[in-house]
Every structure is written in C-alpha cells, then in structure tokens.
C-alpha atoms as a PDB file:
ATOM      1  CA  MET A   1     132.776   5.121 242.293  1.00  0.00           C
ATOM      2  CA  SER A   2     129.209   3.795 241.161  1.00  0.00           C
ATOM      3  CA  GLY A   3     128.753   1.681 238.132  1.00  0.00           C
ATOM      4  CA  PRO A   4     128.170   2.819 234.686  1.00  0.00           C
ATOM      5  CA  ILE A   5     125.237   4.841 233.406  1.00  0.00           C
ATOM      6  CA  LEU A   6     123.417   2.707 230.910  1.00  0.00           C
ATOM      7  CA  VAL A   7     121.574   4.628 228.088  1.00  0.00           C
ATOM      8  CA  LEU A   8     118.902   3.080 225.899  1.00  0.00           C
ATOM      9  CA  VAL A   9     119.481   4.155 222.330  1.00  0.00           C
ATOM     10  CA  GLU A  10     116.807   4.389 219.502  1.00  0.00           C
ATOM     11  CA  VAL A  11     117.792   3.979 215.930  1.00  0.00           C
ATOM     12  CA  ALA A  12     115.330   5.602 213.031  1.00  0.00           C
ATOM     13  CA  ALA A  13     115.841   4.864 209.554  1.00  0.00           C
ATOM     14  CA  GLY A  14     119.228   3.317 210.169  1.00  0.00           C
ATOM     15  CA  GLU A  15     120.550   6.346 212.123  1.00  0.00           C
ATOM     16  CA  VAL A  16     120.878   7.261 215.828  1.00  0.00           C
ATOM     17  CA  ASP A  17     117.829   9.366 216.890  1.00  0.00           C
ATOM     18  CA  ARG A  18     118.857  12.653 217.815  1.00  0.00           C
ATOM     19  CA  VAL A  19     117.030  12.520 221.230  1.00  0.00           C
ATOM     20  CA  SER A  20     119.146   9.638 221.971  1.00  0.00           C
ATOM     21  CA  LEU A  21     122.134  11.951 221.323  1.00  0.00           C
ATOM     22  CA  GLU A  22     120.977  14.176 223.631  1.00  0.00           C
ATOM     23  CA  THR A  23     120.392  11.552 226.418  1.00  0.00           C
ATOM     24  CA  LEU A  24     124.235  10.285 225.794  1.00  0.00           C
ATOM     25  CA  ALA A  25     125.237  14.091 226.366  1.00  0.00           C
ATOM     26  CA  PHE A  26     123.114  14.091 229.409  1.00  0.00           C
ATOM     27  CA  ALA A  27     124.761  10.929 230.775  1.00  0.00           C
ATOM     28  CA  ARG A  28     128.247  12.164 229.819  1.00  0.00           C
ATOM     29  CA  GLY A  29     127.709  15.159 232.175  1.00  0.00           C
ATOM     30  CA  LEU A  30     126.394  12.956 234.843  1.00  0.00           C
ATOM     31  CA  ALA A  31     129.302  10.523 234.783  1.00  0.00           C
ATOM     32  CA  GLY A  32     131.804  13.589 234.835  1.00  0.00           C
ATOM     33  CA  ALA A  33     129.905  14.939 237.839  1.00  0.00           C
ATOM     34  CA  GLY A  34     130.719  11.429 239.702  1.00  0.00           C
ATOM     35  CA  GLY A  35     127.253   9.841 238.872  1.00  0.00           C
ATOM     36  CA  GLY A  36     128.750   6.923 237.097  1.00  0.00           C
ATOM     37  CA  SER A  37     132.163   5.284 236.198  1.00  0.00           C
ATOM     38  CA  ALA A  38     131.418   5.348 232.408  1.00  0.00           C
ATOM     39  CA  VAL A  39     128.594   5.684 229.868  1.00  0.00           C
ATOM     40  CA  GLU A  40     127.273   2.644 228.043  1.00  0.00           C
ATOM     41  CA  ALA A  41     124.593   2.198 225.564  1.00  0.00           C
ATOM     42  CA  MET A  42     122.084  -0.548 224.596  1.00  0.00           C
ATOM     43  CA  LEU A  43     121.041  -0.799 221.162  1.00  0.00           C
ATOM     44  CA  VAL A  44     118.509  -3.088 219.396  1.00  0.00           C
ATOM     45  CA  SER A  45     119.646  -2.805 215.707  1.00  0.00           C
ATOM     46  CA  PRO A  46     117.710  -5.215 213.723  1.00  0.00           C
ATOM     47  CA  ASP A  47     119.467  -4.464 210.445  1.00  0.00           C
ATOM     48  CA  GLY A  48     122.854  -5.510 211.938  1.00  0.00           C
ATOM     49  CA  GLY A  49     124.317  -1.908 211.735  1.00  0.00           C
ATOM     50  CA  ALA A  50     125.578  -1.858 215.086  1.00  0.00           C
ATOM     51  CA  GLU A  51     129.165  -1.743 214.143  1.00  0.00           C
ATOM     52  CA  ARG A  52     128.740   1.108 211.701  1.00  0.00           C
ATOM     53  CA  LEU A  53     126.662   3.045 214.452  1.00  0.00           C
ATOM     54  CA  ALA A  54     129.294   2.251 217.279  1.00  0.00           C
ATOM     55  CA  GLY A  55     131.742   4.910 215.945  1.00  0.00           C
ATOM     56  CA  SER A  56     129.035   7.790 216.151  1.00  0.00           C
ATOM     57  CA  LEU A  57     128.079   6.588 219.815  1.00  0.00           C
ATOM     58  CA  GLY A  58     131.623   6.547 220.689  1.00  0.00           C
ATOM     59  CA  ALA A  59     132.026   9.953 219.542  1.00  0.00           C
ATOM     60  CA  HIS A  60     129.046  10.860 221.805  1.00  0.00           C
ATOM     61  CA  GLY A  61     130.554   9.399 224.971  1.00  0.00           C
ATOM     62  CA  ALA A  62     129.620   5.740 224.890  1.00  0.00           C
ATOM     63  CA  ALA A  63     132.463   3.580 225.947  1.00  0.00           C
ATOM     64  CA  THR A  64     130.603   0.324 225.329  1.00  0.00           C
ATOM     65  CA  VAL A  65     127.792  -0.362 222.928  1.00  0.00           C
ATOM     66  CA  HIS A  66     125.863  -3.712 223.896  1.00  0.00           C
ATOM     67  CA  LEU A  67     124.053  -5.105 221.068  1.00  0.00           C
ATOM     68  CA  VAL A  68     120.967  -6.969 222.019  1.00  0.00           C
ATOM     69  CA  SER A  69     121.357  -9.904 219.547  1.00  0.00           C
ATOM     70  CA  ALA A  70     118.138 -11.877 220.479  1.00  0.00           C
ATOM     71  CA  ALA A  71     116.541 -13.270 217.365  1.00  0.00           C
ATOM     72  CA  GLU A  72     113.013 -12.614 218.799  1.00  0.00           C
ATOM     73  CA  VAL A  73     113.403  -8.751 218.788  1.00  0.00           C
ATOM     74  CA  ALA A  74     115.209  -8.499 215.370  1.00  0.00           C
ATOM     75  CA  GLY A  75     112.979  -6.584 212.945  1.00  0.00           C
ATOM     76  CA  ALA A  76     110.269  -5.834 215.556  1.00  0.00           C
ATOM     77  CA  TYR A  77     109.607  -3.522 218.462  1.00  0.00           C
ATOM     78  CA  ALA A  78     108.396  -5.306 221.544  1.00  0.00           C
ATOM     79  CA  PRO A  79     108.267  -3.006 224.690  1.00  0.00           C
ATOM     80  CA  ALA A  80     108.204  -5.736 227.184  1.00  0.00           C
ATOM     81  CA  ALA A  81     111.074  -7.383 225.679  1.00  0.00           C
ATOM     82  CA  TRP A  82     112.932  -4.307 225.289  1.00  0.00           C
ATOM     83  CA  GLY A  83     112.406  -3.795 228.850  1.00  0.00           C
ATOM     84  CA  ALA A  84     113.300  -7.190 229.872  1.00  0.00           C
ATOM     85  CA  ALA A  85     116.763  -6.729 228.092  1.00  0.00           C
ATOM     86  CA  LEU A  86     117.329  -3.258 229.437  1.00  0.00           C
ATOM     87  CA  ALA A  87     116.722  -4.539 233.120  1.00  0.00           C
ATOM     88  CA  GLN A  88     119.105  -7.800 232.678  1.00  0.00           C
ATOM     89  CA  LEU A  89     121.756  -5.580 231.298  1.00  0.00           C
ATOM     90  CA  ALA A  90     121.672  -3.108 233.929  1.00  0.00           C
ATOM     91  CA  THR A  91     121.930  -5.912 236.501  1.00  0.00           C
ATOM     92  CA  ALA A  92     124.625  -7.565 234.580  1.00  0.00           C
ATOM     93  CA  ARG A  93     126.819  -4.337 234.195  1.00  0.00           C
ATOM     94  CA  GLY A  94     125.978  -3.352 237.947  1.00  0.00           C
ATOM     95  CA  ALA A  95     124.562  -0.046 236.413  1.00  0.00           C
ATOM     96  CA  GLY A  96     124.094   2.894 238.862  1.00  0.00           C
ATOM     97  CA  ALA A  97     121.764   4.651 236.712  1.00  0.00           C
ATOM     98  CA  VAL A  98     119.677   3.863 233.447  1.00  0.00           C
ATOM     99  CA  ALA A  99     118.564   6.595 231.279  1.00  0.00           C
ATOM    100  CA  ALA A 100     116.369   6.774 228.194  1.00  0.00           C
ATOM    101  CA  PRO A 101     115.142   9.228 225.785  1.00  0.00           C
ATOM    102  CA  GLY A 102     111.687  10.750 226.636  1.00  0.00           C
ATOM    103  CA  THR A 103     109.936   9.594 223.727  1.00  0.00           C
ATOM    104  CA  ASP A 104     107.051   7.562 223.385  1.00  0.00           C
ATOM    105  CA  ARG A 105     109.173   4.338 223.072  1.00  0.00           C
ATOM    106  CA  GLY A 106     111.918   5.325 225.502  1.00  0.00           C
ATOM    107  CA  SER A 107     109.516   6.015 228.189  1.00  0.00           C
ATOM    108  CA  GLU A 108     107.337   2.866 227.558  1.00  0.00           C
ATOM    109  CA  VAL A 109     110.737   0.645 227.519  1.00  0.00           C
ATOM    110  CA  LEU A 110     112.133   2.123 230.797  1.00  0.00           C
ATOM    111  CA  ALA A 111     108.800   1.790 232.508  1.00  0.00           C
ATOM    112  CA  HIS A 112     109.055  -1.869 232.078  1.00  0.00           C
ATOM    113  CA  ALA A 113     112.687  -2.100 232.974  1.00  0.00           C
ATOM    114  CA  ALA A 114     112.227   0.052 236.147  1.00  0.00           C
ATOM    115  CA  ALA A 115     109.250  -2.350 237.030  1.00  0.00           C
ATOM    116  CA  ARG A 116     111.350  -5.337 236.426  1.00  0.00           C
ATOM    117  CA  LEU A 117     114.206  -3.940 238.664  1.00  0.00           C
ATOM    118  CA  GLY A 118     111.811  -2.803 241.344  1.00  0.00           C
ATOM    119  CA  MET A 119     113.066   0.772 241.170  1.00  0.00           C
ATOM    120  CA  PRO A 120     111.496   4.116 240.980  1.00  0.00           C
ATOM    121  CA  LEU A 121     111.132   6.234 237.627  1.00  0.00           C
ATOM    122  CA  ALA A 122     111.678   9.934 237.261  1.00  0.00           C
ATOM    123  CA  ALA A 123     110.191  11.071 233.832  1.00  0.00           C
ATOM    124  CA  ASN A 124     110.677  14.146 231.861  1.00  0.00           C
ATOM    125  CA  VAL A 125     113.936  15.287 233.574  1.00  0.00           C
ATOM    126  CA  VAL A 126     115.835  18.287 232.299  1.00  0.00           C
ATOM    127  CA  ALA A 127     118.629  18.540 234.823  1.00  0.00           C
ATOM    128  CA  ALA A 128     120.125  16.392 237.404  1.00  0.00           C
ATOM    129  CA  THR A 129     122.895  16.494 240.073  1.00  0.00           C
ATOM    130  CA  PRO A 130     124.284  13.351 241.526  1.00  0.00           C
ATOM    131  CA  GLY A 131     124.637  13.194 245.371  1.00  0.00           C
ATOM    132  CA  GLU A 132     122.825  11.407 248.153  1.00  0.00           C
ATOM    133  CA  PRO A 133     120.236  11.587 246.836  1.00  0.00           C
ATOM    134  CA  TRP A 134     120.524  12.763 243.464  1.00  0.00           C
ATOM    135  CA  THR A 135     118.377  16.235 242.932  1.00  0.00           C
ATOM    136  CA  LEU A 136     116.531  16.391 239.859  1.00  0.00           C
ATOM    137  CA  THR A 137     114.465  19.100 237.779  1.00  0.00           C
ATOM    138  CA  ARG A 138     111.753  17.759 235.467  1.00  0.00           C
ATOM    139  CA  GLN A 139     108.917  19.063 233.551  1.00  0.00           C
ATOM    140  CA  ARG A 140     105.304  18.633 234.724  1.00  0.00           C
ATOM    141  CA  TRP A 141     101.793  19.636 233.511  1.00  0.00           C
ATOM    142  CA  ALA A 142     102.751  19.308 229.734  1.00  0.00           C
ATOM    143  CA  GLY A 143     105.987  21.476 230.368  1.00  0.00           C
ATOM    144  CA  SER A 144     104.107  24.278 231.942  1.00  0.00           C
ATOM    145  CA  LEU A 145     105.966  23.856 235.232  1.00  0.00           C
ATOM    146  CA  LEU A 146     109.210  22.869 236.554  1.00  0.00           C
ATOM    147  CA  GLU A 147     109.684  20.483 239.646  1.00  0.00           C
ATOM    148  CA  ASP A 148     112.387  19.938 241.959  1.00  0.00           C
ATOM    149  CA  ALA A 149     112.788  16.572 243.183  1.00  0.00           C
ATOM    150  CA  THR A 150     115.003  13.935 244.676  1.00  0.00           C
ATOM    151  CA  LEU A 151     115.842  10.312 243.545  1.00  0.00           C
ATOM    152  CA  ASP A 152     117.309   7.884 245.666  1.00  0.00           C
ATOM    153  CA  ALA A 153     117.537   4.254 244.911  1.00  0.00           C
ATOM    154  CA  PRO A 154     120.210   1.599 244.054  1.00  0.00           C
ATOM    155  CA  VAL A 155     119.590   2.268 240.359  1.00  0.00           C
ATOM    156  CA  ARG A 156     118.460   5.688 239.256  1.00  0.00           C
ATOM    157  CA  CYS A 157     115.993   5.073 236.293  1.00  0.00           C
ATOM    158  CA  LEU A 158     115.174   8.554 234.560  1.00  0.00           C
ATOM    159  CA  THR A 159     113.991   9.692 231.215  1.00  0.00           C
ATOM    160  CA  LEU A 160     115.219  12.844 229.535  1.00  0.00           C
ATOM    161  CA  ALA A 161     112.845  15.525 228.218  1.00  0.00           C
ATOM    162  CA  PRO A 162     113.522  15.814 224.539  1.00  0.00           C
ATOM    163  CA  HIS A 163     115.642  18.844 223.713  1.00  0.00           C
ATOM    164  CA  ALA A 164     116.338  19.540 227.090  1.00  0.00           C
ATOM    165  CA  VAL A 165     119.984  19.093 226.531  1.00  0.00           C
ATOM    166  CA  ALA A 166     122.259  20.253 223.301  1.00  0.00           C
ATOM    167  CA  VAL A 167     124.072  17.503 221.295  1.00  0.00           C
ATOM    168  CA  ASP A 168     127.746  18.333 221.252  1.00  0.00           C
ATOM    169  CA  GLU A 169     128.417  18.444 217.495  1.00  0.00           C
ATOM    170  CA  ARG A 170     132.249  19.063 218.023  1.00  0.00           C
ATOM    171  CA  LEU A 171     133.309  15.507 219.619  1.00  0.00           C
ATOM    172  CA  GLY A 172     135.775  13.239 217.958  1.00  0.00           C
ATOM    173  CA  SER A 173     135.424  10.419 216.043  1.00  0.00           C
ATOM    174  CA  GLY A 174     136.602   7.831 218.547  1.00  0.00           C
ATOM    175  CA  GLY A 175     135.014   4.243 218.332  1.00  0.00           C
ATOM    176  CA  ALA A 176     133.103   2.285 221.125  1.00  0.00           C
ATOM    177  CA  ALA A 177     133.610  -1.298 222.050  1.00  0.00           C
ATOM    178  CA  VAL A 178     130.795  -3.393 220.745  1.00  0.00           C
ATOM    179  CA  MET A 179     129.453  -6.514 222.705  1.00  0.00           C
ATOM    180  CA  ALA A 180     126.681  -8.670 222.108  1.00  0.00           C
ATOM    181  CA  PHE A 181     124.022  -9.277 224.791  1.00  0.00           C
ATOM    182  CA  ALA A 182     121.402 -12.056 224.520  1.00  0.00           C
ATOM    183  CA  PRO A 183     118.704 -11.424 227.191  1.00  0.00           C
ATOM    184  CA  SER A 184     116.386 -14.423 228.355  1.00  0.00           C
ATOM    185  CA  LEU A 185     112.855 -13.803 227.051  1.00  0.00           C
ATOM    186  CA  GLY A 186     109.731 -15.642 227.506  1.00  0.00           C
ATOM    187  CA  ALA A 187     106.624 -15.884 225.546  1.00  0.00           C
ATOM    188  CA  ALA A 188     105.060 -13.257 227.837  1.00  0.00           C
ATOM    189  CA  ASP A 189     107.617 -10.874 226.550  1.00  0.00           C
ATOM    190  CA  LEU A 190     106.553 -10.889 223.081  1.00  0.00           C
ATOM    191  CA  VAL A 191     102.795 -10.871 223.302  1.00  0.00           C
ATOM    192  CA  VAL A 192     102.788  -7.105 222.369  1.00  0.00           C
ATOM    193  CA  ARG A 193     105.180  -6.425 219.419  1.00  0.00           C
ATOM    194  CA  VAL A 194     105.121  -4.271 216.123  1.00  0.00           C
ATOM    195  CA  THR A 195     104.265  -6.727 213.168  1.00  0.00           C
ATOM    196  CA  GLY A 196     104.407  -4.029 210.280  1.00  0.00           C
ATOM    197  CA  HIS A 197     105.673  -0.432 209.658  1.00  0.00           C
ATOM    198  CA  GLU A 198     104.372   2.009 207.128  1.00  0.00           C
ATOM    199  CA  PRO A 199     107.156   4.014 205.858  1.00  0.00           C
ATOM    200  CA  PRO A 200     106.686   7.815 205.190  1.00  0.00           C
ATOM    201  CA  ALA A 201     105.901   9.246 201.735  1.00  0.00           C
ATOM    202  CA  THR A 202     108.999   9.150 199.313  1.00  0.00           C
ATOM    203  CA  GLY A 203     110.838  12.454 199.673  1.00  0.00           C
ATOM    204  CA  SER A 204     108.978  13.700 202.872  1.00  0.00           C
ATOM    205  CA  ILE A 205     111.135  15.417 205.411  1.00  0.00           C
ATOM    206  CA  ASN A 206     111.413  13.844 209.122  1.00  0.00           C
ATOM    207  CA  LEU A 207     109.634  16.329 211.339  1.00  0.00           C
ATOM    208  CA  ALA A 208     111.810  15.384 214.327  1.00  0.00           C
ATOM    209  CA  ASP A 209     114.991  16.309 212.441  1.00  0.00           C
ATOM    210  CA  ALA A 210     113.711  19.405 210.249  1.00  0.00           C
ATOM    211  CA  ARG A 211     115.515  22.718 210.600  1.00  0.00           C
ATOM    212  CA  ILE A 212     112.261  24.466 209.429  1.00  0.00           C
ATOM    213  CA  VAL A 213     108.543  23.468 210.271  1.00  0.00           C
ATOM    214  CA  VAL A 214     105.709  25.109 208.842  1.00  0.00           C
ATOM    215  CA  GLY A 215     102.815  24.241 211.313  1.00  0.00           C
ATOM    216  CA  GLY A 216      99.107  24.554 210.794  1.00  0.00           C
ATOM    217  CA  GLY A 217      96.073  24.834 213.102  1.00  0.00           C
ATOM    218  CA  ARG A 218      92.477  25.040 213.048  1.00  0.00           C
ATOM    219  CA  GLY A 219      92.605  28.518 211.458  1.00  0.00           C
ATOM    220  CA  VAL A 220      93.734  26.920 208.133  1.00  0.00           C
ATOM    221  CA  GLY A 221      90.261  25.947 207.554  1.00  0.00           C
ATOM    222  CA  SER A 222      90.336  22.853 205.800  1.00  0.00           C
ATOM    223  CA  ALA A 223      92.359  19.776 204.544  1.00  0.00           C
ATOM    224  CA  ALA A 224      92.363  21.300 201.071  1.00  0.00           C
ATOM    225  CA  ALA A 225      93.565  24.744 202.331  1.00  0.00           C
ATOM    226  CA  PHE A 226      97.007  22.965 203.664  1.00  0.00           C
ATOM    227  CA  SER A 227      98.077  23.143 199.901  1.00  0.00           C
ATOM    228  CA  GLU A 228      99.393  26.666 200.647  1.00  0.00           C
ATOM    229  CA  LEU A 229     101.501  25.555 203.669  1.00  0.00           C
ATOM    230  CA  GLU A 230     102.636  22.521 201.574  1.00  0.00           C
ATOM    231  CA  GLU A 231     103.860  25.022 198.994  1.00  0.00           C
ATOM    232  CA  LEU A 232     105.745  27.181 201.586  1.00  0.00           C
ATOM    233  CA  ALA A 233     107.301  24.197 203.100  1.00  0.00           C
ATOM    234  CA  GLY A 234     108.459  22.868 199.693  1.00  0.00           C
ATOM    235  CA  LEU A 235     110.088  26.367 198.891  1.00  0.00           C
ATOM    236  CA  LEU A 236     111.909  26.349 202.318  1.00  0.00           C
ATOM    237  CA  GLY A 237     112.783  22.664 202.236  1.00  0.00           C
ATOM    238  CA  ALA A 238     110.640  22.296 205.321  1.00  0.00           C
ATOM    239  CA  ALA A 239     108.441  19.720 207.200  1.00  0.00           C
ATOM    240  CA  VAL A 240     104.581  20.334 207.655  1.00  0.00           C
ATOM    241  CA  GLY A 241     103.424  20.049 211.189  1.00  0.00           C
ATOM    242  CA  VAL A 242     100.066  20.284 212.633  1.00  0.00           C
ATOM    243  CA  SER A 243      98.114  21.058 215.875  1.00  0.00           C
ATOM    244  CA  ARG A 244      95.682  18.212 217.815  1.00  0.00           C
ATOM    245  CA  ALA A 245      92.696  20.192 216.279  1.00  0.00           C
ATOM    246  CA  VAL A 246      93.949  19.226 212.777  1.00  0.00           C
ATOM    247  CA  THR A 247      94.477  15.799 213.450  1.00  0.00           C
ATOM    248  CA  SER A 248      91.019  15.351 215.284  1.00  0.00           C
ATOM    249  CA  ASN A 249      89.372  16.949 212.162  1.00  0.00           C
ATOM    250  CA  GLY A 250      91.019  14.344 210.076  1.00  0.00           C
ATOM    251  CA  TRP A 251      92.553  16.894 207.840  1.00  0.00           C
ATOM    252  CA  ARG A 252      96.062  15.568 208.264  1.00  0.00           C
ATOM    253  CA  PRO A 253      97.661  12.225 209.753  1.00  0.00           C
ATOM    254  CA  HIS A 254      98.606  11.984 213.451  1.00  0.00           C
ATOM    255  CA  THR A 255     102.304  11.538 212.398  1.00  0.00           C
ATOM    256  CA  GLU A 256     102.399  15.210 211.716  1.00  0.00           C
ATOM    257  CA  GLN A 257     100.973  16.418 215.075  1.00  0.00           C
ATOM    258  CA  VAL A 258     103.185  18.528 217.223  1.00  0.00           C
ATOM    259  CA  GLY A 259     102.435  18.884 220.767  1.00  0.00           C
ATOM    260  CA  GLN A 260     102.004  16.944 223.991  1.00  0.00           C
ATOM    261  CA  THR A 261     100.481  13.923 222.430  1.00  0.00           C
ATOM    262  CA  GLY A 262     102.294  14.299 219.117  1.00  0.00           C
ATOM    263  CA  MET A 263     105.971  15.068 218.416  1.00  0.00           C
ATOM    264  CA  ARG A 264     108.246  17.473 220.266  1.00  0.00           C
ATOM    265  CA  ILE A 265     110.426  19.475 217.815  1.00  0.00           C
ATOM    266  CA  ALA A 266     113.468  21.734 217.982  1.00  0.00           C
ATOM    267  CA  PRO A 267     113.832  23.552 214.541  1.00  0.00           C
ATOM    268  CA  ASP A 268     115.715  26.462 213.680  1.00  0.00           C
ATOM    269  CA  LEU A 269     112.401  28.018 212.794  1.00  0.00           C
ATOM    270  CA  TYR A 270     108.783  27.166 213.433  1.00  0.00           C
ATOM    271  CA  ILE A 271     106.322  29.130 211.373  1.00  0.00           C
ATOM    272  CA  ALA A 272     102.865  28.539 213.292  1.00  0.00           C
ATOM    273  CA  CYS A 273      99.972  29.388 210.996  1.00  0.00           C
ATOM    274  CA  GLY A 274      96.309  29.679 212.304  1.00  0.00           C
ATOM    275  CA  ILE A 275      97.672  28.175 215.639  1.00  0.00           C
ATOM    276  CA  SER A 276      96.243  29.596 218.858  1.00  0.00           C
ATOM    277  CA  GLY A 277      98.809  28.230 220.961  1.00  0.00           C
ATOM    278  CA  ALA A 278      97.344  26.101 223.732  1.00  0.00           C
ATOM    279  CA  ILE A 279      99.825  24.643 226.121  1.00  0.00           C
ATOM    280  CA  GLN A 280      99.341  21.106 224.696  1.00  0.00           C
ATOM    281  CA  HIS A 281     100.850  22.429 221.552  1.00  0.00           C
ATOM    282  CA  VAL A 282     103.438  24.876 222.929  1.00  0.00           C
ATOM    283  CA  VAL A 283     105.117  22.090 224.700  1.00  0.00           C
ATOM    284  CA  GLY A 284     105.870  20.470 221.358  1.00  0.00           C
ATOM    285  CA  CYS A 285     107.329  23.349 219.703  1.00  0.00           C
ATOM    286  CA  LYS A 286     108.698  25.830 222.505  1.00  0.00           C
ATOM    287  CA  ALA A 287     112.282  24.259 222.037  1.00  0.00           C
ATOM    288  CA  ALA A 288     112.414  25.856 218.501  1.00  0.00           C
ATOM    289  CA  LYS A 289     114.956  28.472 218.044  1.00  0.00           C
ATOM    290  CA  ARG A 290     112.734  30.971 216.345  1.00  0.00           C
ATOM    291  CA  ILE A 291     109.012  31.012 216.265  1.00  0.00           C
ATOM    292  CA  LEU A 292     106.899  33.157 213.523  1.00  0.00           C
ATOM    293  CA  ALA A 293     103.346  33.230 214.321  1.00  0.00           C
ATOM    294  CA  ILE A 294     100.877  34.139 211.577  1.00  0.00           C
ATOM    295  CA  ASN A 295      97.345  34.700 213.233  1.00  0.00           C
ATOM    296  CA  THR A 296      94.302  37.240 212.921  1.00  0.00           C
ATOM    297  CA  ASP A 297      94.254  37.333 216.859  1.00  0.00           C
ATOM    298  CA  PRO A 298      96.977  39.477 218.440  1.00  0.00           C
ATOM    299  CA  GLU A 299      95.784  38.180 221.816  1.00  0.00           C
ATOM    300  CA  SER A 300      96.180  34.486 220.949  1.00  0.00           C
ATOM    301  CA  PRO A 301      98.785  32.712 223.321  1.00  0.00           C
ATOM    302  CA  ILE A 302     100.994  31.964 220.450  1.00  0.00           C
ATOM    303  CA  MET A 303     102.035  35.460 220.246  1.00  0.00           C
ATOM    304  CA  ALA A 304     103.588  35.618 223.664  1.00  0.00           C
ATOM    305  CA  LEU A 305     105.926  32.776 222.522  1.00  0.00           C
ATOM    306  CA  ALA A 306     106.885  34.003 219.193  1.00  0.00           C
ATOM    307  CA  ASP A 307     110.014  35.679 218.331  1.00  0.00           C
ATOM    308  CA  TYR A 308     108.128  37.426 215.349  1.00  0.00           C
ATOM    309  CA  ALA A 309     104.492  37.980 214.539  1.00  0.00           C
ATOM    310  CA  VAL A 310     102.379  38.786 211.500  1.00  0.00           C
ATOM    311  CA  ILE A 311      98.851  39.905 212.486  1.00  0.00           C
ATOM    312  CA  GLY A 312      96.720  38.843 209.374  1.00  0.00           C
ATOM    313  CA  ASP A 313      94.892  36.177 207.286  1.00  0.00           C
ATOM    314  CA  LEU A 314      97.297  33.355 206.679  1.00  0.00           C
ATOM    315  CA  HIS A 315      95.400  32.585 203.491  1.00  0.00           C
ATOM    316  CA  GLN A 316      96.854  35.929 202.287  1.00  0.00           C
ATOM    317  CA  VAL A 317     100.172  36.159 204.298  1.00  0.00           C
ATOM    318  CA  VAL A 318     101.489  32.469 203.375  1.00  0.00           C
ATOM    319  CA  PRO A 319     100.982  32.708 199.360  1.00  0.00           C
ATOM    320  CA  ALA A 320     102.589  36.118 199.661  1.00  0.00           C
ATOM    321  CA  ILE A 321     105.526  34.575 201.491  1.00  0.00           C
ATOM    322  CA  SER A 322     105.774  31.979 198.804  1.00  0.00           C
ATOM    323  CA  ALA A 323     105.482  34.407 195.989  1.00  0.00           C
ATOM    324  CA  GLU A 324     108.573  36.416 197.430  1.00  0.00           C
ATOM    325  CA  ILE A 325     110.515  33.501 197.749  1.00  0.00           C
ATOM    326  CA  ARG A 326     109.896  32.354 194.045  1.00  0.00           C
ATOM    327  CA  ARG A 327     110.696  35.852 192.779  1.00  0.00           C
ATOM    328  CA  ARG A 328     113.960  35.913 194.906  1.00  0.00           C
ATOM    329  CA  LEU A 329     114.988  32.407 193.714  1.00  0.00           C
ATOM    330  CA  ALA A 330     114.189  33.355 190.220  1.00  0.00           C
END
C-alpha cells in the first residue's frame, strides 16, 4: 500500500473552500481504489481556526489535518512558502500523491511543491485511476477537450479541475486528528507574499458559492446598465457575474469575472444576459446545473449550451422578469 494522499485545503472567510471539499472527495475515491493508504490534509489557518474546521474535514474523509504553524505565513499568503511547506510535509509523511484544488492559489502552490520535490505535475484532472502508471483524464484548451494521459512518479502531483467532482453532503460528522507542522523556511520563500486584503462589499454574495448567478456581457452596453441586472440579482438572492469584455471595458471589477481567466462557478441557475458564449467564458460557467440565456442573436454560441433561451433585448426582458417577481412577492 502506498503512502497517504495529501490534500492542500484552502480557507476563505473562515470556512473551507468548496473546491477543496471537492478535492477531498476526489482523494477519498483514489484512496478507496488503492491509490493511497489514507487521506490527509494540509491547512494554513492564520486565524487559529483549525480545530473548528477539523471536524468538517474529517467528515469529508481527512484522517489527519496538518496545521502549518510557522509564524512567517500566519496572516499572509506566500506561494513559495506554502509550496515549501507542502513539499516538506509530503516528504515527512511519505505521501504517494499530493492533490490541490485547481484554483489560482492551489495551482500556484502545487507548482512550487512539485518543483521542490522534482516531480511532474498533472493539472486540471477530472478523473484518475490508480495503477502502474496512473491513468488520468484532464481538461485542455480551456476545457474544450479532454485528454487521456498517464502519470508515473514516486509522488503523483495533480490539481483537480473545479467542479469536476461532487461534494458528498451526506457524510458523517467524524473529526480528524490535528497535528502542528512547522516547515523550514528561508528569506527567499517570503519574498512574494500578500500584504493586504480588500474585503468584498458588505452584504455581497460570494460568486463562487452562489446558488444563482446573473451574468452580464458586452451586450449589457454600459456600466450604468448593470443596474437592471443588480435589481434582478437582488430579487433572486443571486450574485452578479460578468464576461471578460465587461472587465476589459472597466464596467465591473475583475473579481466578478467568470471564465478561463476568472472564476469557475457551479450555481443551480446561471442567467446569461447579453453574453455571446465564447469558449473562454463557457469554461467558467458550464458546470451550472441550468443555464438561461437572454440574447438577441439566436445563433450565438451560448444558445447551444443553454437549457432555456429568450430571444430578445435584455433591457426589455430583464426588467420584465424583475417586475413579475415583485408582483408575485407582493
């Protein structure tokens, strides 16, 4: 039996990130198929909340949670330092595989760790079967195609494509053992680090976790015209997302961008308003359970992806939807 599968766990706003829970589910499946002896997690928790989070991680399959206790990384994200800690922990635990969520941060940290371990890294994996070697399926070209690949190394390093694996919400509440881990870090590991964080506006809904997202593209027309989408989002308890064209025009912040160079979302419903559906955007929203497209062009690519479509001017359709919701709420 190979060593444990070590999973990098990310924390956002004091809670475990959903993509990290997906990665734990993925690792649990690998361990069950003989890819590792157990699932363990590495957590950098600057607010000291590891004990509180350990129960949830245990419920999602982690037998042990390794809390990185180095003071140098407390309160700050430092990619090289996190990568060094992950590589050192993998070596100390004799890990047979190291997995990370395929987020910007997870991909960056695991790239550092794999380089330090001298191991290959398979990115954007959606399925894996342990063996000699492991066989993988991974996303390529912004998710427009799937590649069959093999991974043969003493330590298999891979990132899981966001929303490729479902989180099992029915797991129990078993806890995980919590162990402190103090990596050996040098000054070079801390040259690049986050020194500040600007929180989102009070009351805003996290785009990554929103059950409904109202998306706007170039067809919205202007920054001011997004007030119609904001009104609909407010009535639905939804988040607002945008295409790259919108952020490039300066109409909305990059934090709202959905797509290859933005956020990858998996809401119950995605309402795409004035979005053509270029592949760079589709890769960010195709995990939505249902897509409603509102567009004047019936031949736009988004229509091929949509479950429901309204052919019309969004500046007429969106206010009409909002008015009907208000009427029914009254």
